[in-house]
């Protein structure tokens, strides 16, 4: 998949421009799953820990901190 194909859809009715996924600092679970080729359920499982360094909750919405997740993956043997 080309980088150009992974775009965030425009907000409904806002006319906001599409932001490429590789420019986002925080990713939703579906975005992270697509980018890193990891299942959404597995992402939920590894980010459930209260001290998880790469998860950010905005209300009930779980976001993956991209920089910290990249570092986590670089150190991981398997996930």
PDB file of N, CA and C in Angstrom:
ATOM      1  N   UNK A   1       0.841  -1.171   0.000  1.00  0.00           N
ATOM      2  CA  UNK A   1       0.000   0.000   0.000  1.00  0.00           C
ATOM      3  C   UNK A   1       0.893   1.243   0.000  1.00  0.00           C
ATOM      4  N   UNK A   2       0.607   2.171  -0.863  1.00  0.00           N
ATOM      5  CA  UNK A   2       1.367   3.415  -0.936  1.00  0.00           C
ATOM      6  C   UNK A   2       1.010   4.320   0.230  1.00  0.00           C
ATOM      7  N   UNK A   3       1.974   5.171   0.588  1.00  0.00           N
ATOM      8  CA  UNK A   3       1.716   6.145   1.655  1.00  0.00           C
ATOM      9  C   UNK A   3       0.530   7.035   1.307  1.00  0.00           C
ATOM     10  N   UNK A   4       0.338   7.322   0.030  1.00  0.00           N
ATOM     11  CA  UNK A   4      -0.743   8.208  -0.395  1.00  0.00           C
ATOM     12  C   UNK A   4      -2.118   7.585  -0.177  1.00  0.00           C
ATOM     13  N   UNK A   5      -2.169   6.248  -0.071  1.00  0.00           N
ATOM     14  CA  UNK A   5      -3.453   5.582   0.083  1.00  0.00           C
ATOM     15  C   UNK A   5      -3.962   5.628   1.513  1.00  0.00           C
ATOM     16  N   UNK A   6      -3.087   5.836   2.497  1.00  0.00           N
ATOM     17  CA  UNK A   6      -3.491   5.842   3.898  1.00  0.00           C
ATOM     18  C   UNK A   6      -3.741   7.288   4.316  1.00  0.00           C
ATOM     19  N   UNK A   7      -4.975   7.718   4.192  1.00  0.00           N
ATOM     20  CA  UNK A   7      -5.353   9.077   4.561  1.00  0.00           C
ATOM     21  C   UNK A   7      -6.486   9.035   5.556  1.00  0.00           C
ATOM     22  N   UNK A   8      -6.587  10.054   6.330  1.00  0.00           N
ATOM     23  CA  UNK A   8      -7.663  10.176   7.292  1.00  0.00           C
ATOM     24  C   UNK A   8      -8.830  10.851   6.588  1.00  0.00           C
ATOM     25  N   UNK A   9     -10.011  10.269   6.686  1.00  0.00           N
ATOM     26  CA  UNK A   9     -11.155  10.889   6.012  1.00  0.00           C
ATOM     27  C   UNK A   9     -11.489  12.249   6.602  1.00  0.00           C
ATOM     28  N   UNK A  10     -12.072  13.082   5.762  1.00  0.00           N
ATOM     29  CA  UNK A  10     -12.483  14.405   6.230  1.00  0.00           C
ATOM     30  C   UNK A  10     -13.568  14.273   7.279  1.00  0.00           C
ATOM     31  N   UNK A  11     -13.585  15.209   8.205  1.00  0.00           N
ATOM     32  CA  UNK A  11     -14.649  15.241   9.197  1.00  0.00           C
ATOM     33  C   UNK A  11     -15.957  15.535   8.485  1.00  0.00           C
ATOM     34  N   UNK A  12     -17.015  14.966   8.990  1.00  0.00           N
ATOM     35  CA  UNK A  12     -18.317  15.137   8.351  1.00  0.00           C
ATOM     36  C   UNK A  12     -18.728  16.596   8.348  1.00  0.00           C
ATOM     37  N   UNK A  13     -18.902  17.151   7.168  1.00  0.00           N
ATOM     38  CA  UNK A  13     -19.415  18.496   7.031  1.00  0.00           C
ATOM     39  C   UNK A  13     -18.436  19.607   7.361  1.00  0.00           C
ATOM     40  N   UNK A  14     -17.240  19.285   7.831  1.00  0.00           N
ATOM     41  CA  UNK A  14     -16.327  20.348   8.250  1.00  0.00           C
ATOM     42  C   UNK A  14     -15.499  20.887   7.088  1.00  0.00           C
ATOM     43  N   UNK A  15     -15.306  20.069   6.064  1.00  0.00           N
ATOM     44  CA  UNK A  15     -14.474  20.501   4.955  1.00  0.00           C
ATOM     45  C   UNK A  15     -13.000  20.548   5.331  1.00  0.00           C
ATOM     46  N   UNK A  16     -12.633  19.945   6.460  1.00  0.00           N
ATOM     47  CA  UNK A  16     -11.240  19.936   6.911  1.00  0.00           C
ATOM     48  C   UNK A  16     -10.393  19.118   5.948  1.00  0.00           C
ATOM     49  N   UNK A  17      -9.163  19.533   5.731  1.00  0.00           N
ATOM     50  CA  UNK A  17      -8.306  18.783   4.802  1.00  0.00           C
ATOM     51  C   UNK A  17      -7.925  17.426   5.375  1.00  0.00           C
ATOM     52  N   UNK A  18      -7.630  16.490   4.493  1.00  0.00           N
ATOM     53  CA  UNK A  18      -7.178  15.172   4.913  1.00  0.00           C
ATOM     54  C   UNK A  18      -5.732  15.268   5.387  1.00  0.00           C
ATOM     55  N   UNK A  19      -5.453  14.632   6.507  1.00  0.00           N
ATOM     56  CA  UNK A  19      -4.110  14.619   7.072  1.00  0.00           C
ATOM     57  C   UNK A  19      -3.517  13.240   6.812  1.00  0.00           C
ATOM     58  N   UNK A  20      -2.360  13.158   6.181  1.00  0.00           N
ATOM     59  CA  UNK A  20      -1.748  11.851   5.954  1.00  0.00           C
ATOM     60  C   UNK A  20      -1.434  11.170   7.280  1.00  0.00           C
ATOM     61  N   UNK A  21      -1.624   9.877   7.329  1.00  0.00           N
ATOM     62  CA  UNK A  21      -1.451   9.127   8.569  1.00  0.00           C
ATOM     63  C   UNK A  21      -0.021   9.215   9.089  1.00  0.00           C
ATOM     64  N   UNK A  22       0.957   9.300   8.214  1.00  0.00           N
ATOM     65  CA  UNK A  22       2.358   9.352   8.659  1.00  0.00           C
ATOM     66  C   UNK A  22       2.737  10.699   9.272  1.00  0.00           C
ATOM     67  N   UNK A  23       1.852  11.683   9.233  1.00  0.00           N
ATOM     68  CA  UNK A  23       2.113  12.976   9.855  1.00  0.00           C
ATOM     69  C   UNK A  23       1.424  13.118  11.220  1.00  0.00           C
ATOM     70  N   UNK A  24       0.645  12.122  11.619  1.00  0.00           N
ATOM     71  CA  UNK A  24      -0.072  12.189  12.882  1.00  0.00           C
ATOM     72  C   UNK A  24       0.820  11.717  14.026  1.00  0.00           C
ATOM     73  N   UNK A  25       0.741  12.396  15.164  1.00  0.00           N
ATOM     74  CA  UNK A  25       1.504  12.007  16.355  1.00  0.00           C
ATOM     75  C   UNK A  25       0.792  10.893  17.117  1.00  0.00           C
ATOM     76  N   UNK A  26      -0.532  10.896  17.107  1.00  0.00           N
ATOM     77  CA  UNK A  26      -1.332   9.887  17.802  1.00  0.00           C
ATOM     78  C   UNK A  26      -2.270   9.226  16.806  1.00  0.00           C
ATOM     79  N   UNK A  27      -2.393   7.905  16.921  1.00  0.00           N
ATOM     80  CA  UNK A  27      -3.195   7.139  15.973  1.00  0.00           C
ATOM     81  C   UNK A  27      -4.341   6.439  16.681  1.00  0.00           C
ATOM     82  N   UNK A  28      -5.474   6.343  16.009  1.00  0.00           N
ATOM     83  CA  UNK A  28      -6.564   5.526  16.531  1.00  0.00           C
ATOM     84  C   UNK A  28      -6.163   4.062  16.357  1.00  0.00           C
ATOM     85  N   UNK A  29      -6.881   3.160  16.994  1.00  0.00           N
ATOM     86  CA  UNK A  29      -6.550   1.740  16.854  1.00  0.00           C
ATOM     87  C   UNK A  29      -6.648   1.259  15.406  1.00  0.00           C
ATOM     88  N   UNK A  30      -7.692   1.611  14.657  1.00  0.00           N
ATOM     89  CA  UNK A  30      -7.729   1.178  13.253  1.00  0.00           C
ATOM     90  C   UNK A  30      -6.565   1.743  12.424  1.00  0.00           C
ATOM     91  N   UNK A  31      -6.178   2.983  12.675  1.00  0.00           N
ATOM     92  CA  UNK A  31      -5.049   3.575  11.951  1.00  0.00           C
ATOM     93  C   UNK A  31      -3.748   2.856  12.298  1.00  0.00           C
ATOM     94  N   UNK A  32      -3.539   2.591  13.586  1.00  0.00           N
ATOM     95  CA  UNK A  32      -2.322   1.897  14.012  1.00  0.00           C
ATOM     96  C   UNK A  32      -2.297   0.472  13.467  1.00  0.00           C
ATOM     97  N   UNK A  33      -3.428  -0.192  13.467  1.00  0.00           N
ATOM     98  CA  UNK A  33      -3.508  -1.550  12.933  1.00  0.00           C
ATOM     99  C   UNK A  33      -3.128  -1.567  11.457  1.00  0.00           C
ATOM    100  N   UNK A  34      -3.627  -0.612  10.715  1.00  0.00           N
ATOM    101  CA  UNK A  34      -3.327  -0.513   9.284  1.00  0.00           C
ATOM    102  C   UNK A  34      -1.854  -0.192   9.049  1.00  0.00           C
ATOM    103  N   UNK A  35      -1.333   0.757   9.780  1.00  0.00           N
ATOM    104  CA  UNK A  35       0.039   1.203   9.579  1.00  0.00           C
ATOM    105  C   UNK A  35       1.063   0.148   9.986  1.00  0.00           C
ATOM    106  N   UNK A  36       0.842  -0.503  11.128  1.00  0.00           N
ATOM    107  CA  UNK A  36       1.822  -1.445  11.658  1.00  0.00           C
ATOM    108  C   UNK A  36       1.513  -2.905  11.324  1.00  0.00           C
ATOM    109  N   UNK A  37       0.396  -3.150  10.666  1.00  0.00           N
ATOM    110  CA  UNK A  37      -0.012  -4.514  10.291  1.00  0.00           C
ATOM    111  C   UNK A  37      -0.154  -5.400  11.532  1.00  0.00           C
ATOM    112  N   UNK A  38      -0.802  -4.853  12.555  1.00  0.00           N
ATOM    113  CA  UNK A  38      -1.088  -5.551  13.802  1.00  0.00           C
ATOM    114  C   UNK A  38      -2.601  -5.466  14.003  1.00  0.00           C
ATOM    115  N   UNK A  39      -3.201  -6.555  14.431  1.00  0.00           N
ATOM    116  CA  UNK A  39      -4.645  -6.577  14.630  1.00  0.00           C
ATOM    117  C   UNK A  39      -5.105  -5.622  15.725  1.00  0.00           C
ATOM    118  N   UNK A  40      -6.308  -5.105  15.566  1.00  0.00           N
ATOM    119  CA  UNK A  40      -6.884  -4.180  16.544  1.00  0.00           C
ATOM    120  C   UNK A  40      -7.006  -4.846  17.908  1.00  0.00           C
ATOM    121  N   UNK A  41      -7.432  -6.101  17.937  1.00  0.00           N
ATOM    122  CA  UNK A  41      -7.574  -6.800  19.218  1.00  0.00           C
ATOM    123  C   UNK A  41      -6.226  -6.954  19.910  1.00  0.00           C
ATOM    124  N   UNK A  42      -5.176  -7.229  19.160  1.00  0.00           N
ATOM    125  CA  UNK A  42      -3.843  -7.350  19.753  1.00  0.00           C
ATOM    126  C   UNK A  42      -3.359  -5.997  20.269  1.00  0.00           C
ATOM    127  N   UNK A  43      -3.632  -4.929  19.542  1.00  0.00           N
ATOM    128  CA  UNK A  43      -3.278  -3.590  20.006  1.00  0.00           C
ATOM    129  C   UNK A  43      -3.998  -3.257  21.311  1.00  0.00           C
ATOM    130  N   UNK A  44      -5.277  -3.617  21.405  1.00  0.00           N
ATOM    131  CA  UNK A  44      -6.034  -3.402  22.644  1.00  0.00           C
ATOM    132  C   UNK A  44      -5.406  -4.187  23.788  1.00  0.00           C
ATOM    133  N   UNK A  45      -5.055  -5.436  23.500  1.00  0.00           N
ATOM    134  CA  UNK A  45      -4.493  -6.316  24.520  1.00  0.00           C
ATOM    135  C   UNK A  45      -3.172  -5.771  25.080  1.00  0.00           C
ATOM    136  N   UNK A  46      -2.266  -5.334  24.213  1.00  0.00           N
ATOM    137  CA  UNK A  46      -0.967  -4.872  24.699  1.00  0.00           C
ATOM    138  C   UNK A  46      -1.026  -3.462  25.282  1.00  0.00           C
ATOM    139  N   UNK A  47      -2.107  -2.740  25.028  1.00  0.00           N
ATOM    140  CA  UNK A  47      -2.227  -1.381  25.565  1.00  0.00           C
ATOM    141  C   UNK A  47      -3.188  -1.301  26.754  1.00  0.00           C
ATOM    142  N   UNK A  48      -3.621  -2.437  27.266  1.00  0.00           N
ATOM    143  CA  UNK A  48      -4.558  -2.455  28.401  1.00  0.00           C
ATOM    144  C   UNK A  48      -3.905  -2.119  29.735  1.00  0.00           C
ATOM    145  N   UNK A  49      -2.600  -2.298  29.857  1.00  0.00           N
ATOM    146  CA  UNK A  49      -1.900  -2.039  31.115  1.00  0.00           C
ATOM    147  C   UNK A  49      -2.009  -0.562  31.489  1.00  0.00           C
ATOM    148  N   UNK A  50      -2.257  -0.288  32.760  1.00  0.00           N
ATOM    149  CA  UNK A  50      -2.387   1.094  33.238  1.00  0.00           C
ATOM    150  C   UNK A  50      -1.110   1.907  33.045  1.00  0.00           C
ATOM    151  N   UNK A  51       0.034   1.227  33.047  1.00  0.00           N
ATOM    152  CA  UNK A  51       1.318   1.922  32.891  1.00  0.00           C
ATOM    153  C   UNK A  51       1.870   1.830  31.470  1.00  0.00           C
ATOM    154  N   UNK A  52       1.035   1.512  30.519  1.00  0.00           N
ATOM    155  CA  UNK A  52       1.471   1.383  29.127  1.00  0.00           C
ATOM    156  C   UNK A  52       2.019   2.732  28.645  1.00  0.00           C
ATOM    157  N   UNK A  53       3.275   2.776  28.172  1.00  0.00           N
ATOM    158  CA  UNK A  53       3.899   4.052  27.820  1.00  0.00           C
ATOM    159  C   UNK A  53       3.421   4.658  26.499  1.00  0.00           C
ATOM    160  N   UNK A  54       2.706   3.885  25.688  1.00  0.00           N
ATOM    161  CA  UNK A  54       2.329   4.391  24.370  1.00  0.00           C
ATOM    162  C   UNK A  54       0.833   4.556  24.162  1.00  0.00           C
ATOM    163  N   UNK A  55       0.056   4.503  25.236  1.00  0.00           N
ATOM    164  CA  UNK A  55      -1.386   4.683  25.086  1.00  0.00           C
ATOM    165  C   UNK A  55      -1.812   6.011  25.713  1.00  0.00           C
ATOM    166  N   UNK A  56      -2.779   6.640  25.070  1.00  0.00           N
ATOM    167  CA  UNK A  56      -3.344   7.899  25.537  1.00  0.00           C
ATOM    168  C   UNK A  56      -4.860   7.776  25.436  1.00  0.00           C
ATOM    169  N   UNK A  57      -5.545   8.016  26.552  1.00  0.00           N
ATOM    170  CA  UNK A  57      -7.004   7.974  26.537  1.00  0.00           C
ATOM    171  C   UNK A  57      -7.549   9.392  26.482  1.00  0.00           C
ATOM    172  N   UNK A  58      -8.437   9.619  25.542  1.00  0.00           N
ATOM    173  CA  UNK A  58      -9.166  10.880  25.441  1.00  0.00           C
ATOM    174  C   UNK A  58     -10.625  10.492  25.657  1.00  0.00           C
ATOM    175  N   UNK A  59     -11.066  10.636  26.900  1.00  0.00           N
ATOM    176  CA  UNK A  59     -12.375  10.094  27.265  1.00  0.00           C
ATOM    177  C   UNK A  59     -12.286   8.580  27.186  1.00  0.00           C
ATOM    178  N   UNK A  60     -13.149   7.966  26.406  1.00  0.00           N
ATOM    179  CA  UNK A  60     -13.109   6.514  26.195  1.00  0.00           C
ATOM    180  C   UNK A  60     -12.298   6.135  24.961  1.00  0.00           C
ATOM    181  N   UNK A  61     -11.856   7.107  24.230  1.00  0.00           N
ATOM    182  CA  UNK A  61     -11.119   6.856  22.990  1.00  0.00           C
ATOM    183  C   UNK A  61      -9.655   6.541  23.305  1.00  0.00           C
ATOM    184  N   UNK A  62      -9.176   5.414  22.793  1.00  0.00           N
ATOM    185  CA  UNK A  62      -7.801   4.977  23.021  1.00  0.00           C
ATOM    186  C   UNK A  62      -6.962   5.362  21.798  1.00  0.00           C
ATOM    187  N   UNK A  63      -5.913   6.129  22.054  1.00  0.00           N
ATOM    188  CA  UNK A  63      -4.993   6.524  20.987  1.00  0.00           C
ATOM    189  C   UNK A  63      -3.624   5.925  21.253  1.00  0.00           C
ATOM    190  N   UNK A  64      -2.909   5.638  20.180  1.00  0.00           N
ATOM    191  CA  UNK A  64      -1.559   5.093  20.266  1.00  0.00           C
ATOM    192  C   UNK A  64      -0.584   6.228  19.972  1.00  0.00           C
ATOM    193  N   UNK A  65       0.313   6.489  20.935  1.00  0.00           N
ATOM    194  CA  UNK A  65       1.355   7.505  20.746  1.00  0.00           C
ATOM    195  C   UNK A  65       2.401   6.907  19.810  1.00  0.00           C
ATOM    196  N   UNK A  66       2.497   7.468  18.650  1.00  0.00           N
ATOM    197  CA  UNK A  66       3.288   6.873  17.583  1.00  0.00           C
ATOM    198  C   UNK A  66       4.772   6.737  17.923  1.00  0.00           C
ATOM    199  N   UNK A  67       5.394   7.792  18.413  1.00  0.00           N
ATOM    200  CA  UNK A  67       6.823   7.764  18.713  1.00  0.00           C
ATOM    201  C   UNK A  67       7.137   6.701  19.765  1.00  0.00           C
ATOM    202  N   UNK A  68       6.359   6.672  20.850  1.00  0.00           N
ATOM    203  CA  UNK A  68       6.577   5.705  21.917  1.00  0.00           C
ATOM    204  C   UNK A  68       6.297   4.281  21.439  1.00  0.00           C
ATOM    205  N   UNK A  69       5.307   4.119  20.554  1.00  0.00           N
ATOM    206  CA  UNK A  69       4.995   2.792  20.044  1.00  0.00           C
ATOM    207  C   UNK A  69       6.108   2.299  19.119  1.00  0.00           C
ATOM    208  N   UNK A  70       6.669   3.198  18.318  1.00  0.00           N
ATOM    209  CA  UNK A  70       7.814   2.829  17.472  1.00  0.00           C
ATOM    210  C   UNK A  70       8.973   2.342  18.338  1.00  0.00           C
ATOM    211  N   UNK A  71       9.233   3.035  19.443  1.00  0.00           N
ATOM    212  CA  UNK A  71      10.307   2.633  20.361  1.00  0.00           C
ATOM    213  C   UNK A  71       9.997   1.279  20.998  1.00  0.00           C
ATOM    214  N   UNK A  72       8.740   1.073  21.383  1.00  0.00           N
ATOM    215  CA  UNK A  72       8.316  -0.200  21.962  1.00  0.00           C
ATOM    216  C   UNK A  72       8.550  -1.342  20.964  1.00  0.00           C
ATOM    217  N   UNK A  73       8.175  -1.134  19.726  1.00  0.00           N
ATOM    218  CA  UNK A  73       8.345  -2.165  18.698  1.00  0.00           C
ATOM    219  C   UNK A  73       9.816  -2.435  18.405  1.00  0.00           C
ATOM    220  N   UNK A  74      10.633  -1.403  18.452  1.00  0.00           N
ATOM    221  CA  UNK A  74      12.060  -1.570  18.189  1.00  0.00           C
ATOM    222  C   UNK A  74      12.717  -2.464  19.250  1.00  0.00           C
ATOM    223  N   UNK A  75      12.217  -2.422  20.474  1.00  0.00           N
ATOM    224  CA  UNK A  75      12.784  -3.213  21.570  1.00  0.00           C
ATOM    225  C   UNK A  75      12.140  -4.587  21.712  1.00  0.00           C
ATOM    226  N   UNK A  76      10.962  -4.786  21.115  1.00  0.00           N
ATOM    227  CA  UNK A  76      10.205  -6.028  21.305  1.00  0.00           C
ATOM    228  C   UNK A  76      10.764  -7.153  20.442  1.00  0.00           C
ATOM    229  N   UNK A  77      10.790  -8.342  21.024  1.00  0.00           N
ATOM    230  CA  UNK A  77      11.179  -9.544  20.263  1.00  0.00           C
ATOM    231  C   UNK A  77       9.962 -10.086  19.528  1.00  0.00           C
ATOM    232  N   UNK A  78       8.833 -10.107  20.207  1.00  0.00           N
ATOM    233  CA  UNK A  78       7.580 -10.525  19.598  1.00  0.00           C
ATOM    234  C   UNK A  78       6.434  -9.812  20.311  1.00  0.00           C
ATOM    235  N   UNK A  79       5.299  -9.708  19.645  1.00  0.00           N
ATOM    236  CA  UNK A  79       4.141  -9.073  20.278  1.00  0.00           C
ATOM    237  C   UNK A  79       2.911  -9.946  20.171  1.00  0.00           C
TER     238      UNK A  79
END
